[in-house]
Amino acid sequence: MSAMPSAPLPSPTALRLVCLSRGTRVSPPLGLAAWSEDERADLALLLDGPRAGPTPTLPETAAQIPDPGSLRSGTLLVVLGDLPPGRALLGRWLGPRAHVPRAVRCSALLALGYERLGGGVDPRSGQDLAWGYVRARQAEAGAPDHA
């Protein structure tokens, strides 16, 4: 157990779930009752399973995270720790839930250029979360444009 306090959890008003696996059921974290369909909502990413091995590597994880340049300035991206269950029917029922370590998720966010990184466990859902924000762009931050 770390003596350092964990980062305060973000408190988005809405999260839109982004995932490659169809038919995956995961509850929204951070006290939200439902996933949003609004394209302007902050994002939660459910990573896909690894190609080989028990969990995705750092490069595999980073490859699944959206480029921050493709997102709206200031967008929060929450990367969920649990992976969807195996695709085979028995894997869904009997297989253990695979988990991507928070250090791998945060390292991937850092490598891609996200800022204000954090991580923690959501007390309501028990989900292990890692998050980062898209850097505020100068023109959108209200700074004068020097062309």
C-alpha atoms as a PDB file:
ATOM      1  CA  MET A   1       0.000   0.000   0.000  1.00  0.00           C
ATOM      2  CA  SER A   2       1.401   3.382  -0.962  1.00  0.00           C
ATOM      3  CA  ALA A   3       1.753   6.175   1.591  1.00  0.00           C
ATOM      4  CA  MET A   4       1.085   8.688  -1.189  1.00  0.00           C
ATOM      5  CA  PRO A   5      -2.535   9.793  -1.579  1.00  0.00           C
ATOM      6  CA  SER A   6      -4.101   8.785  -4.870  1.00  0.00           C
ATOM      7  CA  ALA A   7      -5.048  11.418  -7.417  1.00  0.00           C
ATOM      8  CA  PRO A   8      -8.583  12.756  -7.105  1.00  0.00           C
ATOM      9  CA  LEU A   9     -10.869  10.945  -9.508  1.00  0.00           C
ATOM     10  CA  PRO A  10     -12.192  12.964 -12.436  1.00  0.00           C
ATOM     11  CA  SER A  11     -15.872  13.866 -12.351  1.00  0.00           C
ATOM     12  CA  PRO A  12     -17.173  14.005 -15.926  1.00  0.00           C
ATOM     13  CA  THR A  13     -20.829  14.768 -16.547  1.00  0.00           C
ATOM     14  CA  ALA A  14     -20.928  12.177 -19.360  1.00  0.00           C
ATOM     15  CA  LEU A  15     -18.714   9.443 -20.810  1.00  0.00           C
ATOM     16  CA  ARG A  16     -19.021   7.765 -24.188  1.00  0.00           C
ATOM     17  CA  LEU A  17     -17.718   4.177 -24.336  1.00  0.00           C
ATOM     18  CA  VAL A  18     -15.221   3.382 -27.086  1.00  0.00           C
ATOM     19  CA  CYS A  19     -14.341  -0.273 -27.689  1.00  0.00           C
ATOM     20  CA  LEU A  20     -13.475  -2.661 -30.499  1.00  0.00           C
ATOM     21  CA  SER A  21     -15.358  -5.626 -29.026  1.00  0.00           C
ATOM     22  CA  ARG A  22     -19.032  -5.610 -29.891  1.00  0.00           C
ATOM     23  CA  GLY A  23     -21.618  -6.802 -27.421  1.00  0.00           C
ATOM     24  CA  THR A  24     -19.370  -6.091 -24.446  1.00  0.00           C
ATOM     25  CA  ARG A  25     -21.199  -5.082 -21.325  1.00  0.00           C
ATOM     26  CA  VAL A  26     -19.380  -2.846 -18.922  1.00  0.00           C
ATOM     27  CA  SER A  27     -20.887  -0.412 -16.454  1.00  0.00           C
ATOM     28  CA  PRO A  28     -19.876   3.226 -16.550  1.00  0.00           C
ATOM     29  CA  PRO A  29     -17.519   4.327 -13.767  1.00  0.00           C
ATOM     30  CA  LEU A  30     -17.347   7.525 -11.722  1.00  0.00           C
ATOM     31  CA  GLY A  31     -20.949   7.476 -10.538  1.00  0.00           C
ATOM     32  CA  LEU A  32     -22.493   7.745 -13.992  1.00  0.00           C
ATOM     33  CA  ALA A  33     -25.754   5.867 -14.518  1.00  0.00           C
ATOM     34  CA  ALA A  34     -25.378   5.228 -18.252  1.00  0.00           C
ATOM     35  CA  TRP A  35     -23.035   5.685 -21.191  1.00  0.00           C
ATOM     36  CA  SER A  36     -23.570   8.774 -23.327  1.00  0.00           C
ATOM     37  CA  GLU A  37     -24.167   8.756 -27.081  1.00  0.00           C
ATOM     38  CA  ASP A  38     -23.135  12.416 -27.389  1.00  0.00           C
ATOM     39  CA  GLU A  39     -20.120  12.835 -29.694  1.00  0.00           C
ATOM     40  CA  ARG A  40     -18.909  15.744 -27.520  1.00  0.00           C
ATOM     41  CA  ALA A  41     -18.814  13.684 -24.308  1.00  0.00           C
ATOM     42  CA  ASP A  42     -15.564  12.693 -22.663  1.00  0.00           C
ATOM     43  CA  LEU A  43     -14.402   9.161 -23.494  1.00  0.00           C
ATOM     44  CA  ALA A  44     -13.901   5.849 -21.728  1.00  0.00           C
ATOM     45  CA  LEU A  45     -11.829   3.256 -23.582  1.00  0.00           C
ATOM     46  CA  LEU A  46     -12.247  -0.483 -23.133  1.00  0.00           C
ATOM     47  CA  LEU A  47      -9.067  -2.026 -24.488  1.00  0.00           C
ATOM     48  CA  ASP A  48      -9.195  -5.132 -26.648  1.00  0.00           C
ATOM     49  CA  GLY A  49      -7.424  -8.336 -25.629  1.00  0.00           C
ATOM     50  CA  PRO A  50      -3.787  -9.013 -26.506  1.00  0.00           C
ATOM     51  CA  ARG A  51      -2.611 -10.745 -29.661  1.00  0.00           C
ATOM     52  CA  ALA A  52      -0.361 -13.022 -27.608  1.00  0.00           C
ATOM     53  CA  GLY A  53       0.218 -13.377 -23.891  1.00  0.00           C
ATOM     54  CA  PRO A  54      -2.081 -12.664 -20.977  1.00  0.00           C
ATOM     55  CA  THR A  55      -2.264  -8.860 -21.324  1.00  0.00           C
ATOM     56  CA  PRO A  56      -1.505  -6.281 -24.022  1.00  0.00           C
ATOM     57  CA  THR A  57       2.030  -4.915 -24.164  1.00  0.00           C
ATOM     58  CA  LEU A  58       2.760  -1.194 -23.973  1.00  0.00           C
ATOM     59  CA  PRO A  59       2.916  -0.867 -27.806  1.00  0.00           C
ATOM     60  CA  GLU A  60      -0.354  -2.838 -28.190  1.00  0.00           C
ATOM     61  CA  THR A  61      -2.011  -0.650 -25.561  1.00  0.00           C
ATOM     62  CA  ALA A  62      -0.756   2.600 -27.097  1.00  0.00           C
ATOM     63  CA  ALA A  63      -1.953   1.480 -30.540  1.00  0.00           C
ATOM     64  CA  GLN A  64      -5.539   1.275 -29.232  1.00  0.00           C
ATOM     65  CA  ILE A  65      -5.583   4.724 -27.614  1.00  0.00           C
ATOM     66  CA  PRO A  66      -6.838   7.554 -29.837  1.00  0.00           C
ATOM     67  CA  ASP A  67      -4.294  10.114 -30.994  1.00  0.00           C
ATOM     68  CA  PRO A  68      -4.927  13.179 -28.819  1.00  0.00           C
ATOM     69  CA  GLY A  69      -4.707  15.351 -31.953  1.00  0.00           C
ATOM     70  CA  SER A  70      -7.882  13.664 -33.205  1.00  0.00           C
ATOM     71  CA  LEU A  71      -9.866  14.664 -30.104  1.00  0.00           C
ATOM     72  CA  ARG A  72     -11.360  17.939 -28.941  1.00  0.00           C
ATOM     73  CA  SER A  73      -9.100  20.114 -26.785  1.00  0.00           C
ATOM     74  CA  GLY A  74      -9.478  19.337 -23.061  1.00  0.00           C
ATOM     75  CA  THR A  75     -11.156  15.946 -23.616  1.00  0.00           C
ATOM     76  CA  LEU A  76     -10.835  13.478 -20.752  1.00  0.00           C
ATOM     77  CA  LEU A  77      -9.924   9.928 -21.787  1.00  0.00           C
ATOM     78  CA  VAL A  78     -10.453   7.227 -19.150  1.00  0.00           C
ATOM     79  CA  VAL A  79      -8.776   3.895 -19.951  1.00  0.00           C
ATOM     80  CA  LEU A  80     -10.493   0.990 -18.187  1.00  0.00           C
ATOM     81  CA  GLY A  81      -8.272  -1.691 -16.683  1.00  0.00           C
ATOM     82  CA  ASP A  82     -10.329  -4.823 -17.271  1.00  0.00           C
ATOM     83  CA  LEU A  83     -10.321  -6.464 -20.679  1.00  0.00           C
ATOM     84  CA  PRO A  84     -13.444  -7.937 -22.251  1.00  0.00           C
ATOM     85  CA  PRO A  85     -13.890 -11.666 -21.619  1.00  0.00           C
ATOM     86  CA  GLY A  86     -12.578 -14.185 -24.159  1.00  0.00           C
ATOM     87  CA  ARG A  87     -14.439 -14.484 -27.417  1.00  0.00           C
ATOM     88  CA  ALA A  88     -15.168 -18.198 -26.995  1.00  0.00           C
ATOM     89  CA  LEU A  89     -18.301 -19.040 -25.042  1.00  0.00           C
ATOM     90  CA  LEU A  90     -16.417 -20.976 -22.356  1.00  0.00           C
ATOM     91  CA  GLY A  91     -13.926 -18.122 -22.036  1.00  0.00           C
ATOM     92  CA  ARG A  92     -16.766 -15.727 -21.284  1.00  0.00           C
ATOM     93  CA  TRP A  93     -18.140 -17.974 -18.528  1.00  0.00           C
ATOM     94  CA  LEU A  94     -15.078 -19.622 -17.053  1.00  0.00           C
ATOM     95  CA  GLY A  95     -12.080 -17.531 -18.009  1.00  0.00           C
ATOM     96  CA  PRO A  96     -10.552 -15.128 -15.515  1.00  0.00           C
ATOM     97  CA  ARG A  97     -10.924 -11.429 -16.220  1.00  0.00           C
ATOM     98  CA  ALA A  98      -7.710 -10.170 -17.760  1.00  0.00           C
ATOM     99  CA  HIS A  99      -6.396  -6.835 -16.546  1.00  0.00           C
ATOM    100  CA  VAL A 100      -3.981  -4.295 -18.039  1.00  0.00           C
ATOM    101  CA  PRO A 101      -1.726  -2.851 -15.325  1.00  0.00           C
ATOM    102  CA  ARG A 102      -2.312   0.823 -14.581  1.00  0.00           C
ATOM    103  CA  ALA A 103       1.382   1.564 -15.197  1.00  0.00           C
ATOM    104  CA  VAL A 104       1.067   0.258 -18.778  1.00  0.00           C
ATOM    105  CA  ARG A 105      -2.060   2.337 -19.443  1.00  0.00           C
ATOM    106  CA  CYS A 106      -0.564   5.517 -17.953  1.00  0.00           C
ATOM    107  CA  SER A 107       2.715   4.971 -19.824  1.00  0.00           C
ATOM    108  CA  ALA A 108       0.786   4.644 -23.088  1.00  0.00           C
ATOM    109  CA  LEU A 109      -1.124   7.867 -22.386  1.00  0.00           C
ATOM    110  CA  LEU A 110       2.133   9.670 -21.579  1.00  0.00           C
ATOM    111  CA  ALA A 111       3.866   8.335 -24.708  1.00  0.00           C
ATOM    112  CA  LEU A 112       1.013   9.632 -26.880  1.00  0.00           C
ATOM    113  CA  GLY A 113       1.106  13.129 -25.379  1.00  0.00           C
ATOM    114  CA  TYR A 114      -1.838  13.175 -22.981  1.00  0.00           C
ATOM    115  CA  GLU A 115      -1.383  15.398 -19.936  1.00  0.00           C
ATOM    116  CA  ARG A 116      -2.695  15.627 -16.345  1.00  0.00           C
ATOM    117  CA  LEU A 117      -2.423  11.855 -16.039  1.00  0.00           C
ATOM    118  CA  GLY A 118      -3.895  10.034 -13.093  1.00  0.00           C
ATOM    119  CA  GLY A 119      -5.014   6.687 -11.864  1.00  0.00           C
ATOM    120  CA  GLY A 120      -7.134   5.216  -9.131  1.00  0.00           C
ATOM    121  CA  VAL A 121      -9.875   2.801  -8.210  1.00  0.00           C
ATOM    122  CA  ASP A 122     -13.451   3.962  -8.563  1.00  0.00           C
ATOM    123  CA  PRO A 123     -14.995   3.258  -5.138  1.00  0.00           C
ATOM    124  CA  ARG A 124     -18.496   2.675  -6.542  1.00  0.00           C
ATOM    125  CA  SER A 125     -17.721   0.290  -9.406  1.00  0.00           C
ATOM    126  CA  GLY A 126     -14.386  -1.075  -8.179  1.00  0.00           C
ATOM    127  CA  GLN A 127     -12.897  -0.449 -11.630  1.00  0.00           C
ATOM    128  CA  ASP A 128      -9.205   0.385 -11.862  1.00  0.00           C
ATOM    129  CA  LEU A 129      -8.939   3.539 -13.975  1.00  0.00           C
ATOM    130  CA  ALA A 130      -6.155   5.440 -15.725  1.00  0.00           C
ATOM    131  CA  TRP A 131      -6.839   8.785 -17.353  1.00  0.00           C
ATOM    132  CA  GLY A 132      -5.376  11.703 -19.198  1.00  0.00           C
ATOM    133  CA  TYR A 133      -6.540  14.891 -20.837  1.00  0.00           C
ATOM    134  CA  VAL A 134      -5.979  16.233 -24.325  1.00  0.00           C
ATOM    135  CA  ARG A 135      -3.747  19.295 -24.146  1.00  0.00           C
ATOM    136  CA  ALA A 136      -5.602  22.591 -24.431  1.00  0.00           C
ATOM    137  CA  ARG A 137      -4.797  24.135 -27.794  1.00  0.00           C
ATOM    138  CA  GLN A 138      -3.729  27.781 -27.797  1.00  0.00           C
ATOM    139  CA  ALA A 139      -6.472  29.070 -30.120  1.00  0.00           C
ATOM    140  CA  GLU A 140      -9.154  27.277 -28.100  1.00  0.00           C
ATOM    141  CA  ALA A 141      -7.678  28.375 -24.759  1.00  0.00           C
ATOM    142  CA  GLY A 142      -8.372  32.023 -25.545  1.00  0.00           C
ATOM    143  CA  ALA A 143      -4.771  32.996 -26.215  1.00  0.00           C
ATOM    144  CA  PRO A 144      -4.199  35.478 -29.024  1.00  0.00           C
ATOM    145  CA  ASP A 145      -3.293  33.924 -32.333  1.00  0.00           C
ATOM    146  CA  HIS A 146       0.109  35.188 -33.514  1.00  0.00           C
ATOM    147  CA  ALA A 147       0.322  34.353 -37.193  1.00  0.00           C
END
